[in-house]
Protein backbone atom coordinates (compact mmCIF):
# COMPACT_ATOMS: atom_id res chain seq x y z
CA UNK A 1 98.93 97.45 116.53
CA UNK A 2 97.18 99.96 114.40
CA UNK A 3 95.89 99.88 110.73
CA UNK A 4 97.23 102.50 108.26
CA UNK A 5 96.30 103.07 104.51
CA UNK A 6 98.80 104.50 101.79
CA UNK A 7 97.82 105.25 98.28
CA UNK A 8 99.64 105.19 94.79
CA UNK A 9 98.55 105.22 91.21
CA UNK A 10 98.15 102.07 89.35
CA UNK A 11 100.45 101.24 86.36
CA UNK A 12 99.08 101.96 82.84
CA UNK A 13 99.72 98.39 82.12
CA UNK A 14 97.23 97.13 84.82
CA UNK A 15 94.45 99.37 83.81
CA UNK A 16 92.48 97.21 81.31
CA UNK A 17 92.74 94.30 83.94
CA UNK A 18 91.45 96.77 86.87
CA UNK A 19 88.37 97.59 84.69
CA UNK A 20 87.49 93.86 83.88
CA UNK A 21 88.13 93.00 87.76
CA UNK A 22 85.92 95.89 88.85
CA UNK A 23 83.26 94.90 86.61
CA UNK A 24 83.55 91.19 87.78
CA UNK A 25 83.65 91.81 91.22
CA UNK A 26 81.04 94.44 91.36
CA UNK A 27 78.49 92.10 89.74
CA UNK A 28 79.25 89.26 92.20
CA UNK A 29 79.26 91.73 95.20
CA UNK A 30 75.65 92.98 94.30
CA UNK A 31 74.39 89.38 93.75
CA UNK A 32 75.97 88.23 97.26
CA UNK A 33 74.15 91.45 99.11
CA UNK A 34 70.83 89.95 97.94
CA UNK A 35 71.66 86.60 98.98
CA UNK A 36 72.71 87.81 102.42
CA UNK A 37 69.67 89.86 102.71
CA UNK A 38 67.70 86.69 102.26
CA UNK A 39 69.49 85.09 105.11
CA UNK A 40 71.82 82.49 103.13
CA UNK A 41 74.86 81.40 104.85
CA UNK A 42 78.30 82.21 103.82
CA UNK A 43 79.54 78.58 103.71
CA UNK A 44 77.14 77.21 101.07
CA UNK A 45 77.33 80.45 99.02
CA UNK A 46 81.05 80.22 98.84
CA UNK A 47 80.65 76.91 96.80
CA UNK A 48 77.95 78.02 94.48
CA UNK A 49 79.62 81.26 93.61
CA UNK A 50 82.79 79.56 92.96
CA UNK A 51 81.27 77.36 90.37
CA UNK A 52 78.93 79.89 89.03
CA UNK A 53 81.48 82.96 88.70
CA UNK A 54 84.83 80.83 87.95
CA UNK A 55 86.64 82.35 91.05
CA UNK A 56 88.55 80.80 93.82
CA UNK A 57 87.86 80.59 97.64
CA UNK A 58 89.98 83.60 98.40
CA UNK A 59 88.58 85.92 95.77
CA UNK A 60 85.02 84.96 97.34
CA UNK A 61 86.19 85.73 100.72
CA UNK A 62 87.69 89.18 99.48
CA UNK A 63 84.36 90.05 98.14
CA UNK A 64 82.32 88.72 100.98
CA UNK A 65 84.64 90.83 103.76
CA UNK A 66 84.04 93.68 101.34
CA UNK A 67 80.31 93.69 101.37
CA UNK A 68 80.10 92.82 105.05
CA UNK A 69 82.05 96.09 105.59
CA UNK A 70 79.59 98.11 103.51
CA UNK A 71 76.59 96.49 105.29
CA UNK A 72 78.09 97.23 108.78
CA UNK A 73 78.78 100.76 107.65
CA UNK A 74 75.30 101.26 106.22
CA UNK A 75 74.02 100.17 109.51
CA UNK A 76 76.10 102.54 111.66
CA UNK A 77 74.97 105.40 109.43
CA UNK A 78 71.28 104.39 109.63
CA UNK A 79 71.44 104.32 113.68
CA UNK A 80 73.10 107.72 113.36
CA UNK A 81 70.37 109.41 110.84
CA UNK A 82 67.72 108.03 113.33
CA UNK A 83 69.36 109.61 116.12
CA UNK A 84 69.76 112.95 114.50
CA UNK A 85 66.09 112.87 113.59
CA UNK A 86 65.40 112.20 117.18
CA UNK A 87 67.54 115.48 118.33
CA UNK A 88 65.58 117.40 115.38
CA UNK A 89 62.40 116.29 116.93
CA UNK A 90 63.38 116.93 120.44
CA UNK A 91 64.59 120.63 119.31
CA UNK A 92 61.40 120.99 117.55
CA UNK A 93 59.39 120.40 120.42
CA UNK A 94 61.09 122.73 122.80
CA UNK A 95 60.91 125.42 120.28
CA UNK A 96 57.21 125.02 119.86
CA UNK A 97 56.79 125.01 123.62
CA UNK A 98 58.84 128.41 123.77
CA UNK A 99 56.30 129.95 121.03
CA UNK A 100 52.98 128.45 122.92
CA UNK A 101 54.43 130.29 125.95
CA UNK A 102 54.96 133.69 124.03
CA UNK A 103 51.55 133.24 122.61
CA UNK A 104 49.91 132.82 126.13
CA UNK A 105 52.03 135.98 127.19
CA UNK A 106 50.82 137.92 123.98
CA UNK A 107 47.11 136.88 124.65
CA UNK A 108 47.29 138.13 128.34
CA UNK A 109 48.84 141.40 127.34
CA UNK A 110 45.87 143.77 127.36
CA UNK A 111 48.07 146.46 125.42
CA UNK A 112 48.37 144.02 122.67
CA UNK A 113 44.86 142.95 122.46
CA UNK A 114 44.00 146.63 122.26
CA UNK A 115 46.51 147.11 119.45
CA UNK A 116 45.28 143.91 117.70
CA UNK A 117 41.50 144.78 117.93
CA UNK A 118 42.39 148.13 116.08
CA UNK A 119 43.73 146.57 113.42
CA UNK A 120 41.79 146.57 110.21
CA UNK A 121 40.78 143.25 108.63
CA UNK A 122 43.20 143.31 105.66
CA UNK A 123 46.18 143.61 108.12
CA UNK A 124 44.59 141.15 110.70
CA UNK A 125 47.27 138.57 109.34
CA UNK A 126 50.24 140.73 110.55
CA UNK A 127 49.50 140.99 114.32
CA UNK A 128 51.72 139.38 116.88
CA UNK A 129 49.26 136.52 117.63
CA UNK A 130 48.73 135.73 113.91
CA UNK A 131 52.63 135.47 113.38
CA UNK A 132 52.88 133.19 116.38
CA UNK A 133 50.16 131.04 115.45
CA UNK A 134 51.58 130.72 111.91
CA UNK A 135 54.99 129.58 113.14
CA UNK A 136 53.65 127.33 115.80
CA UNK A 137 51.41 125.83 112.86
CA UNK A 138 54.31 125.31 110.60
CA UNK A 139 56.68 124.01 113.15
CA UNK A 140 53.88 121.47 114.15
CA UNK A 141 53.76 120.24 110.44
CA UNK A 142 57.38 119.86 110.36
CA UNK A 143 57.38 118.09 113.78
CA UNK A 144 54.58 115.51 112.37
CA UNK A 145 56.78 115.07 109.34
CA UNK A 146 59.80 114.19 111.19
CA UNK A 147 57.95 111.66 113.68
CA UNK A 148 56.89 109.76 110.53
CA UNK A 149 60.18 110.08 108.99
CA UNK A 150 61.65 108.47 112.17
CA UNK A 151 58.93 105.81 112.45
CA UNK A 152 59.64 104.87 108.73
CA UNK A 153 63.37 104.43 109.45
CA UNK A 154 63.14 102.69 112.64
CA UNK A 155 60.90 99.99 110.83
CA UNK A 156 62.96 99.54 107.80
CA UNK A 157 66.10 97.98 107.22
CA UNK A 158 69.08 100.10 105.89
CA UNK A 159 69.65 99.46 102.20
CA UNK A 160 72.70 99.88 100.31
CA UNK A 161 72.69 101.62 96.35
CA UNK A 162 75.63 100.42 94.66
CA UNK A 163 76.79 103.36 92.81
CA UNK A 164 75.89 105.95 95.20
CA UNK A 165 72.23 107.74 95.84
CA UNK A 166 73.30 111.11 94.42
CA UNK A 167 74.21 109.39 91.00
CA UNK A 168 71.06 107.48 90.94
CA UNK A 169 68.82 110.27 91.47
CA UNK A 170 70.62 112.37 88.80
CA UNK A 171 68.81 110.24 86.23
CA UNK A 172 65.90 112.21 86.89
CA UNK A 173 67.35 115.63 86.03
CA UNK A 174 69.69 114.81 83.27
CA UNK A 175 69.99 118.03 81.70
CA UNK A 176 70.99 119.96 84.81
CA UNK A 177 73.90 117.66 85.40
CA UNK A 178 75.27 117.78 81.84
CA UNK A 179 73.70 114.48 80.40
CA UNK A 180 72.66 114.46 77.01
CA UNK A 181 70.64 111.23 77.13
CA UNK A 182 69.85 108.49 79.63
CA UNK A 183 72.30 106.35 77.86
CA UNK A 184 75.12 108.63 78.84
CA UNK A 185 74.15 108.34 82.30
CA UNK A 186 73.99 104.70 82.38
CA UNK A 187 77.61 104.48 81.34
CA UNK A 188 78.62 106.62 84.16
CA UNK A 189 76.25 104.68 86.44
CA UNK A 190 77.90 101.44 85.26
CA UNK A 191 81.21 102.57 85.61
CA UNK A 192 80.60 103.81 89.20
CA UNK A 193 79.17 100.39 90.27
CA UNK A 194 82.44 98.79 89.14
CA UNK A 195 84.93 101.43 90.54
CA UNK A 196 86.45 99.02 93.20
CA UNK A 197 87.71 95.63 94.10
CA UNK A 198 89.42 94.21 97.36
CA UNK A 199 92.15 91.69 97.97
CA UNK A 200 92.01 90.72 101.70
CA UNK A 201 95.22 89.80 103.34
CA UNK A 202 96.24 87.27 106.02
CA UNK A 203 99.38 86.91 108.13
CA UNK A 204 99.60 83.29 107.51
CA UNK A 205 100.00 83.81 103.54
CA UNK A 206 102.95 84.50 101.63
CA UNK A 207 103.72 88.14 101.30
CA UNK A 208 100.63 88.77 103.60
CA UNK A 209 98.14 88.18 100.61
CA UNK A 210 97.64 85.06 98.72
CA UNK A 211 95.62 86.61 95.68
CA UNK A 212 97.47 89.76 95.31
CA UNK A 213 101.30 89.69 96.38
CA UNK A 214 103.32 93.05 97.04
CA UNK A 215 107.09 92.20 97.07
CA UNK A 216 109.66 94.26 98.73
CA UNK A 217 111.23 95.20 95.57
CA UNK A 218 107.94 96.90 94.15
CA UNK A 219 106.56 93.94 92.27
CA UNK A 220 103.06 93.28 92.29
CA UNK A 221 101.77 89.81 91.38
CA UNK A 222 97.95 89.19 91.07
CA UNK A 223 96.24 85.93 90.67
CA UNK A 224 93.51 86.43 87.80
CA UNK A 225 90.18 84.67 88.22
CA UNK A 226 89.64 81.57 86.07
CA UNK A 227 86.92 83.68 84.38
CA UNK A 228 89.44 85.91 82.94
CA UNK A 229 92.48 83.58 82.53
CA UNK A 230 91.65 83.50 78.59
CA UNK A 231 92.13 87.21 78.20
CA UNK A 232 95.02 88.03 81.06
CA UNK A 233 96.45 84.71 81.75
CA UNK A 234 97.02 83.00 84.98
CA UNK A 235 98.97 85.84 86.77
CA UNK A 236 99.02 89.45 86.25
CA UNK A 237 102.44 91.08 86.94
CA UNK A 238 103.68 94.63 87.13
CA UNK A 239 106.89 96.10 88.97
CA UNK A 240 108.51 99.28 90.06
CA UNK A 241 105.70 100.30 92.26
CA UNK A 242 106.14 102.87 95.21
CA UNK A 243 104.04 104.58 97.78
CA UNK A 244 105.10 108.46 98.10
CA UNK A 245 103.92 108.17 101.68
CA UNK A 246 104.33 105.15 104.23
CA UNK A 247 106.80 103.11 102.19
CA UNK A 248 108.79 102.55 105.33
CA UNK A 249 105.51 101.29 107.06
CA UNK A 250 104.52 99.00 104.25
CA UNK A 251 108.10 97.48 104.15
CA UNK A 252 107.96 96.86 108.04
CA UNK A 253 104.90 94.76 107.53
CA UNK A 254 106.62 92.97 104.72
CA UNK A 255 109.39 92.09 106.87
CA UNK A 256 107.31 91.14 109.66
CA UNK A 257 104.76 88.69 107.63
CA UNK A 258 101.98 90.84 108.59
CA UNK A 259 98.85 91.02 106.72
CA UNK A 260 98.66 93.18 103.54
CA UNK A 261 95.08 94.37 102.32
CA UNK A 262 95.10 95.97 98.82
CA UNK A 263 91.89 97.83 97.41
CA UNK A 264 91.94 99.04 93.88
CA UNK A 265 89.77 102.20 93.10
CA UNK A 266 88.86 104.40 90.36
CA UNK A 267 88.63 107.91 90.96
CA UNK A 268 88.53 110.86 88.22
CA UNK A 269 89.14 108.33 85.56
CA UNK A 270 92.33 106.90 87.31
CA UNK A 271 92.73 103.83 89.10
CA UNK A 272 94.58 104.05 92.72
CA UNK A 273 95.98 101.41 94.69
CA UNK A 274 95.42 101.49 98.54
CA UNK A 275 97.66 99.34 100.99
CA UNK A 276 96.49 98.63 104.51
CA UNK A 277 99.01 97.44 106.81
CA UNK A 278 99.47 96.60 110.57
CA UNK A 279 101.88 98.69 112.17
CA UNK A 280 103.14 98.82 116.00
CA UNK A 281 101.87 101.61 118.01
CA UNK A 282 104.20 104.32 118.58
CA UNK A 283 105.47 104.39 122.63
CA UNK A 284 104.33 107.42 124.69
CA UNK A 285 107.31 109.67 124.59
CA UNK A 286 105.84 112.65 126.49
CA UNK A 287 105.63 112.72 130.58
CA UNK A 288 103.56 115.02 132.62
CA UNK A 289 106.36 115.92 134.81
CA UNK A 290 107.49 118.25 131.99
CA UNK A 291 104.12 119.97 132.26
CA UNK A 292 100.76 119.91 130.08
CA UNK A 293 99.55 121.47 126.98
CA UNK A 294 95.89 122.68 126.76
CA UNK A 295 94.14 123.19 123.60
CA UNK A 296 90.74 125.34 123.30
CA UNK A 297 89.32 125.15 119.58
CA UNK A 298 86.87 127.79 118.70
CA UNK A 299 85.54 128.69 115.13
CA UNK A 300 88.15 131.22 114.32
CA UNK A 301 90.97 130.64 116.61
CA UNK A 302 92.81 127.83 118.59
CA UNK A 303 94.12 128.81 121.95
CA UNK A 304 96.90 126.84 123.48
CA UNK A 305 98.89 127.28 126.70
CA UNK A 306 101.47 125.08 128.58
CA UNK A 307 102.05 124.66 132.41
CA UNK A 308 104.52 123.22 134.35
CA UNK A 309 103.83 120.19 136.55
CA UNK A 310 102.53 122.33 139.38
CA UNK A 311 100.11 124.16 136.90
CA UNK A 312 101.93 127.42 136.54
CA UNK A 313 101.82 128.87 133.11
CA UNK A 314 104.95 128.60 130.75
CA UNK A 315 104.06 129.33 127.47
CA UNK A 316 100.91 130.42 125.41
CA UNK A 317 99.57 131.48 122.11
CA UNK A 318 97.05 131.04 119.43
CA UNK A 319 96.63 130.02 115.79
CA UNK A 320 93.96 131.91 113.77
CA UNK A 321 92.00 129.58 111.23
CA UNK A 322 89.26 130.56 108.97
CA UNK A 323 87.10 127.68 107.91
CA UNK A 324 84.00 129.59 107.25
CA UNK A 325 82.33 128.48 103.87
CA UNK A 326 85.18 126.30 102.96
CA UNK A 327 84.57 122.61 101.69
CA UNK A 328 85.25 119.39 103.25
CA UNK A 329 89.01 119.21 101.90
CA UNK A 330 89.66 122.78 102.66
CA UNK A 331 88.52 122.54 106.11
CA UNK A 332 90.78 119.28 106.44
CA UNK A 333 93.77 121.07 105.20
CA UNK A 334 93.36 124.07 107.25
CA UNK A 335 92.88 122.16 110.54
CA UNK A 336 95.68 119.63 109.39
CA UNK A 337 98.13 122.65 109.35
CA UNK A 338 96.97 123.63 112.67
CA UNK A 339 97.29 120.16 114.27
CA UNK A 340 100.74 120.07 112.79
CA UNK A 341 101.82 123.12 114.28
CA UNK A 342 100.28 122.15 117.74
CA UNK A 343 101.90 118.67 117.78
CA UNK A 344 105.15 120.31 116.91
CA UNK A 345 105.11 122.50 119.98
CA UNK A 346 104.05 119.58 122.51
CA UNK A 347 106.62 117.21 120.94
CA UNK A 348 109.42 119.63 121.25
CA UNK A 349 108.48 120.16 124.90
CA UNK A 350 107.93 116.60 125.88
CA UNK A 351 104.36 117.40 127.14
CA UNK A 352 100.90 115.70 126.89
CA UNK A 353 98.00 117.50 125.11
CA UNK A 354 94.69 118.02 126.74
CA UNK A 355 91.73 118.72 124.85
CA UNK A 356 87.85 119.16 125.45
CA UNK A 357 85.75 116.31 125.43
CA UNK A 358 82.91 117.59 123.16
CA UNK A 359 80.10 116.25 120.86
CA UNK A 360 78.37 118.78 118.90
CA UNK A 361 76.34 116.28 116.94
CA UNK A 362 73.33 116.71 119.25
CA UNK A 363 73.50 120.52 119.08
CA UNK A 364 73.91 120.57 115.26
CA UNK A 365 70.86 118.58 114.91
CA UNK A 366 68.75 121.17 116.38
CA UNK A 367 70.54 124.18 115.22
CA UNK A 368 67.81 125.22 112.82
CA UNK A 369 65.80 125.99 115.63
CA UNK A 370 68.58 128.70 117.10
CA UNK A 371 69.45 131.91 115.71
CA UNK A 372 71.50 132.72 112.50
CA UNK A 373 74.79 133.62 114.26
CA UNK A 374 74.44 130.51 116.70
CA UNK A 375 73.80 128.09 113.73
CA UNK A 376 76.64 129.69 111.67
CA UNK A 377 79.08 128.98 114.43
CA UNK A 378 78.01 125.47 114.99
CA UNK A 379 77.97 124.81 111.16
CA UNK A 380 81.82 126.01 111.23
CA UNK A 381 82.60 124.34 114.30
CA UNK A 382 84.45 121.28 112.85
CA UNK A 383 85.34 119.81 116.23
CA UNK A 384 85.13 116.17 115.22
CA UNK A 385 87.35 116.43 112.24
CA UNK A 386 89.86 118.35 114.41
CA UNK A 387 89.75 115.73 117.23
CA UNK A 388 90.19 113.07 114.68
CA UNK A 389 93.42 114.66 112.98
CA UNK A 390 94.91 115.25 116.30
CA UNK A 391 94.31 111.70 117.61
CA UNK A 392 95.92 110.42 114.58
CA UNK A 393 98.87 112.67 114.69
CA UNK A 394 99.44 112.05 118.44
CA UNK A 395 99.30 108.19 117.57
CA UNK A 396 101.92 108.53 115.19
CA UNK A 397 104.45 110.52 116.99
CA UNK A 398 104.04 109.02 120.39
CA UNK A 399 102.13 112.03 122.24
CA UNK A 400 99.76 111.40 125.09
CA UNK A 401 96.16 112.85 124.15
CA UNK A 402 94.07 113.62 127.09
CA UNK A 403 90.30 114.51 127.02
CA UNK A 404 88.70 116.27 129.81
CA UNK A 405 85.31 117.64 130.53
CA UNK A 406 85.18 121.72 129.35
CA UNK A 407 82.45 122.71 131.81
CA UNK A 408 83.13 126.20 133.01
CA UNK A 409 86.61 126.14 131.43
CA UNK A 410 86.01 129.68 129.58
CA UNK A 411 84.29 130.95 132.49
CA UNK A 412 87.13 130.20 134.89
CA UNK A 413 89.95 131.23 132.42
CA UNK A 414 87.97 134.72 131.97
CA UNK A 415 87.70 135.25 135.70
CA UNK A 416 90.76 134.00 137.22
CA UNK A 417 93.54 133.74 134.57
CA UNK A 418 93.03 136.76 131.87
CA UNK A 419 94.10 139.58 134.30
CA UNK A 420 96.39 137.65 136.01
CA UNK A 421 98.65 136.74 133.07
CA UNK A 422 97.33 138.91 130.47
CA UNK A 423 95.64 136.13 128.40
CA UNK A 424 92.94 135.93 125.66
CA UNK A 425 89.99 134.13 126.27
CA UNK A 426 90.95 131.27 124.19
CA UNK A 427 94.49 130.82 125.90
CA UNK A 428 92.89 131.41 129.23
CA UNK A 429 90.72 128.31 128.79
CA UNK A 430 93.47 126.21 127.08
CA UNK A 431 95.22 126.88 130.64
CA UNK A 432 92.11 125.66 132.66
CA UNK A 433 92.10 122.42 130.45
CA UNK A 434 95.96 121.92 131.03
CA UNK A 435 95.56 122.35 134.75
CA UNK A 436 92.64 119.76 134.72
CA UNK A 437 95.27 117.32 132.90
CA UNK A 438 97.16 117.53 135.95
CA UNK A 439 94.16 116.90 138.21
CA UNK A 440 94.48 120.57 139.22
CA UNK A 441 90.87 122.28 139.15
CA UNK A 442 89.10 125.02 140.56
CA UNK A 443 85.43 126.22 140.65
CA UNK A 444 83.96 129.36 139.08
CA UNK A 445 84.15 132.25 141.57
CA UNK A 446 81.13 132.75 143.58
CA UNK A 447 80.09 136.30 141.93
CA UNK A 448 79.96 134.38 138.52
CA UNK A 449 77.65 131.54 139.64
């Protein structure tokens, strides 16, 4: 079973209720976060919060699971930040050693010493030796700063800012962000901190959720907290709900009695309903006996090649992509279109897909110490997003996805298959990966070693 989430707009008649619920659940969540940091246990807190905020047990559980998820996510982000800082420290230390070796060579070069001695006092700062000394000094300062930052993070527990760090910092520069007064900022801050609430589902409850029930006919029935009953009554009901995407998966979960978790979120002054359901995994419908499709991702082009079960080339091609200077949404859209085209090819041929097992997080952490062209290439190389989209689509359509070590794939493709089949470098590397998916491998030629 896998979880899938689908979204739709909230009807207008539910918006006042959503505003009040967001404010109530946000307030409870922030206080619960503080109590959990103090080491208090869930069971005694549950009774206390039910009495204090006039909510029932299931509503407390929803708030508890929501904040626990945020805490766990923040911990993972904290560990990732520490890892990235350590990678930057490692890259800086390597860069400093390189510069120090260059400094030793420069100082031992008699010709450079003669040139340096002939320089006037006013131009002394522009000698090669002085330039290297300044570069080493600045890098050592940065290294000390990163080590202090790493030490601070390792000895500090990760914290949450409800409303977001970016919006919190914007209060210190109101005019640049279009705020006329601090009160205007406070209104946005309060709205951001009350912009979502969750109803956790369970398979042993009616309609998969006791607090918020979504029926098969599109009717939504929400149990109102005791605190808001005077304003909205015991239940809030709306009808005619439909999801533009995933309606079949939601209908399946309803028919099977699976858990249905519902989260209300506000974005751009609109409220959305997010429905998360469990659906069975699609069975694998590809077979290596039909061949294998290899994919080689590069910053500007995606090469693909299909070989038969003996490893002989059958088809090949490439998709040009341009994600330079694109924002996150544009990059996702471009890569999503490419993934769609590739999976359609693999599905029509009934072949598994083989991709490289790459992790560029370490290289990206130290890319500031590399050249401009290399840094730009890594910055544009959205392999993680591409793999995420490809994996998700393969799971949905029953395509087997295989990852292989990409070592020497480009070199082998260049030296062996480019001239043999008249391939480009990317399609040749894709063919090497496809053959590795069939456990057919080869080493680089001796003259390239």
